[in-house]
Amino acid sequence: MTPFEQAQQEVAQGKLNTPSVNFEGKNVDYFGFQISVHRFNLRIMAKGMKCKGITFTQIKKYYGLNGKSAKDCLPQFELIISDYKAKLNS
């Protein structure tokens, strides 16, 4: 189980509290916000640039991605995003 999956499970069990995220006066799902930010960062890294405050290795470990570069891991990450959205909609 990846740290991302563990965090989701701990929130569901009430063992972990996530910060509240507001966008335009509305509450936003924390994990959805986190995925969006990491997607943005991973896309930048896939183009060969660096991001301040986070590294490719941190994202890779957190989501359990396999590959040598951000470009290799981006398709895997898109699958994680689609699975997460499917869970929210069900």
C-alpha atoms as a PDB file:
ATOM      1  CA  MET A   1       0.000   0.000   0.000  1.00  0.00           C
ATOM      2  CA  THR A   2       1.392   3.396  -0.989  1.00  0.00           C
ATOM      3  CA  PRO A   3       1.583   6.324   1.447  1.00  0.00           C
ATOM      4  CA  PHE A   4      -1.193   7.998  -0.583  1.00  0.00           C
ATOM      5  CA  GLU A   5      -3.490   5.001  -0.101  1.00  0.00           C
ATOM      6  CA  GLN A   6      -2.548   4.760   3.576  1.00  0.00           C
ATOM      7  CA  ALA A   7      -3.431   8.418   4.122  1.00  0.00           C
ATOM      8  CA  GLN A   8      -6.812   7.943   2.458  1.00  0.00           C
ATOM      9  CA  GLN A   9      -7.501   4.885   4.591  1.00  0.00           C
ATOM     10  CA  GLU A  10      -6.505   6.668   7.807  1.00  0.00           C
ATOM     11  CA  VAL A  11      -8.809   9.586   6.991  1.00  0.00           C
ATOM     12  CA  ALA A  12     -11.679   7.161   6.340  1.00  0.00           C
ATOM     13  CA  GLN A  13     -11.009   5.479   9.703  1.00  0.00           C
ATOM     14  CA  GLY A  14     -10.818   8.823  11.498  1.00  0.00           C
ATOM     15  CA  LYS A  15      -7.163   8.378  12.490  1.00  0.00           C
ATOM     16  CA  LEU A  16      -5.927  11.320  10.402  1.00  0.00           C
ATOM     17  CA  ASN A  17      -7.339  14.794   9.980  1.00  0.00           C
ATOM     18  CA  THR A  18      -6.642  16.614   6.741  1.00  0.00           C
ATOM     19  CA  PRO A  19      -6.425  20.385   6.475  1.00  0.00           C
ATOM     20  CA  SER A  20      -9.407  22.194   5.034  1.00  0.00           C
ATOM     21  CA  VAL A  21      -8.883  23.599   1.559  1.00  0.00           C
ATOM     22  CA  ASN A  22     -11.046  26.432   0.247  1.00  0.00           C
ATOM     23  CA  PHE A  23     -11.275  27.608  -3.331  1.00  0.00           C
ATOM     24  CA  GLU A  24     -13.508  30.529  -4.238  1.00  0.00           C
ATOM     25  CA  GLY A  25     -15.319  30.189  -0.926  1.00  0.00           C
ATOM     26  CA  LYS A  26     -16.079  26.471  -1.351  1.00  0.00           C
ATOM     27  CA  ASN A  27     -14.520  23.548   0.478  1.00  0.00           C
ATOM     28  CA  VAL A  28     -12.425  21.331  -1.775  1.00  0.00           C
ATOM     29  CA  ASP A  29     -11.481  17.702  -1.152  1.00  0.00           C
ATOM     30  CA  TYR A  30      -7.945  17.709   0.267  1.00  0.00           C
ATOM     31  CA  PHE A  31      -6.725  14.694  -1.694  1.00  0.00           C
ATOM     32  CA  GLY A  32      -8.211  16.090  -4.898  1.00  0.00           C
ATOM     33  CA  PHE A  33      -6.330  19.335  -4.298  1.00  0.00           C
ATOM     34  CA  GLN A  34      -3.133  17.424  -3.519  1.00  0.00           C
ATOM     35  CA  ILE A  35      -3.419  15.337  -6.683  1.00  0.00           C
ATOM     36  CA  SER A  36      -3.985  18.465  -8.765  1.00  0.00           C
ATOM     37  CA  VAL A  37      -0.898  20.178  -7.381  1.00  0.00           C
ATOM     38  CA  HIS A  38       1.241  17.079  -7.829  1.00  0.00           C
ATOM     39  CA  ARG A  39      -0.061  16.624 -11.373  1.00  0.00           C
ATOM     40  CA  PHE A  40       0.970  20.201 -12.155  1.00  0.00           C
ATOM     41  CA  ASN A  41       4.417  19.579 -10.654  1.00  0.00           C
ATOM     42  CA  LEU A  42       4.890  16.257 -12.447  1.00  0.00           C
ATOM     43  CA  ARG A  43       3.979  17.793 -15.803  1.00  0.00           C
ATOM     44  CA  ILE A  44       6.567  20.516 -15.274  1.00  0.00           C
ATOM     45  CA  MET A  45       9.156  17.914 -14.295  1.00  0.00           C
ATOM     46  CA  ALA A  46       8.296  15.844 -17.386  1.00  0.00           C
ATOM     47  CA  LYS A  47       9.297  18.861 -19.495  1.00  0.00           C
ATOM     48  CA  GLY A  48      12.699  18.916 -17.793  1.00  0.00           C
ATOM     49  CA  MET A  49      12.166  21.724 -15.294  1.00  0.00           C
ATOM     50  CA  LYS A  50      12.422  21.635 -11.515  1.00  0.00           C
ATOM     51  CA  CYS A  51       9.802  22.621  -8.962  1.00  0.00           C
ATOM     52  CA  LYS A  52      10.520  24.470  -5.770  1.00  0.00           C
ATOM     53  CA  GLY A  53       9.495  22.668  -2.600  1.00  0.00           C
ATOM     54  CA  ILE A  54       9.034  19.153  -3.989  1.00  0.00           C
ATOM     55  CA  THR A  55      11.147  16.633  -5.831  1.00  0.00           C
ATOM     56  CA  PHE A  56      10.322  13.958  -8.355  1.00  0.00           C
ATOM     57  CA  THR A  57      11.481  11.288  -5.905  1.00  0.00           C
ATOM     58  CA  GLN A  58       9.010  12.486  -3.253  1.00  0.00           C
ATOM     59  CA  ILE A  59       6.075  12.299  -5.667  1.00  0.00           C
ATOM     60  CA  LYS A  60       7.261   8.955  -6.991  1.00  0.00           C
ATOM     61  CA  LYS A  61       7.471   7.402  -3.514  1.00  0.00           C
ATOM     62  CA  TYR A  62       4.197   8.897  -2.264  1.00  0.00           C
ATOM     63  CA  TYR A  63       2.145   7.459  -5.134  1.00  0.00           C
ATOM     64  CA  GLY A  64       4.222   4.308  -5.729  1.00  0.00           C
ATOM     65  CA  LEU A  65       5.198   5.226  -9.284  1.00  0.00           C
ATOM     66  CA  ASN A  66       7.748   3.230 -11.278  1.00  0.00           C
ATOM     67  CA  GLY A  67      10.106   4.766 -13.801  1.00  0.00           C
ATOM     68  CA  LYS A  68      13.322   6.703 -14.146  1.00  0.00           C
ATOM     69  CA  SER A  69      11.850  10.045 -15.143  1.00  0.00           C
ATOM     70  CA  ALA A  70       8.754  12.125 -14.635  1.00  0.00           C
ATOM     71  CA  LYS A  71       7.895  11.564 -18.285  1.00  0.00           C
ATOM     72  CA  ASP A  72       7.861   7.789 -17.660  1.00  0.00           C
ATOM     73  CA  CYS A  73       5.678   8.118 -14.549  1.00  0.00           C
ATOM     74  CA  LEU A  74       3.132  10.599 -15.890  1.00  0.00           C
ATOM     75  CA  PRO A  75       0.876   7.959 -17.566  1.00  0.00           C
ATOM     76  CA  GLN A  76       0.837   5.928 -14.334  1.00  0.00           C
ATOM     77  CA  PHE A  77      -0.093   9.031 -12.382  1.00  0.00           C
ATOM     78  CA  GLU A  78      -2.938   9.816 -14.782  1.00  0.00           C
ATOM     79  CA  LEU A  79      -4.340   6.336 -14.001  1.00  0.00           C
ATOM     80  CA  ILE A  80      -4.170   7.063 -10.282  1.00  0.00           C
ATOM     81  CA  ILE A  81      -6.064  10.288 -10.890  1.00  0.00           C
ATOM     82  CA  SER A  82      -8.784   8.581 -12.927  1.00  0.00           C
ATOM     83  CA  ASP A  83      -9.153   5.856 -10.248  1.00  0.00           C
ATOM     84  CA  TYR A  84      -9.431   8.515  -7.554  1.00  0.00           C
ATOM     85  CA  LYS A  85     -12.092  10.418  -9.503  1.00  0.00           C
ATOM     86  CA  ALA A  86     -14.012   7.174 -10.065  1.00  0.00           C
ATOM     87  CA  LYS A  87     -14.006   6.515  -6.296  1.00  0.00           C
ATOM     88  CA  LEU A  88     -15.354  10.012  -5.617  1.00  0.00           C
ATOM     89  CA  ASN A  89     -18.162   9.616  -8.127  1.00  0.00           C
ATOM     90  CA  SER A  90     -19.282   6.210  -6.860  1.00  0.00           C
END
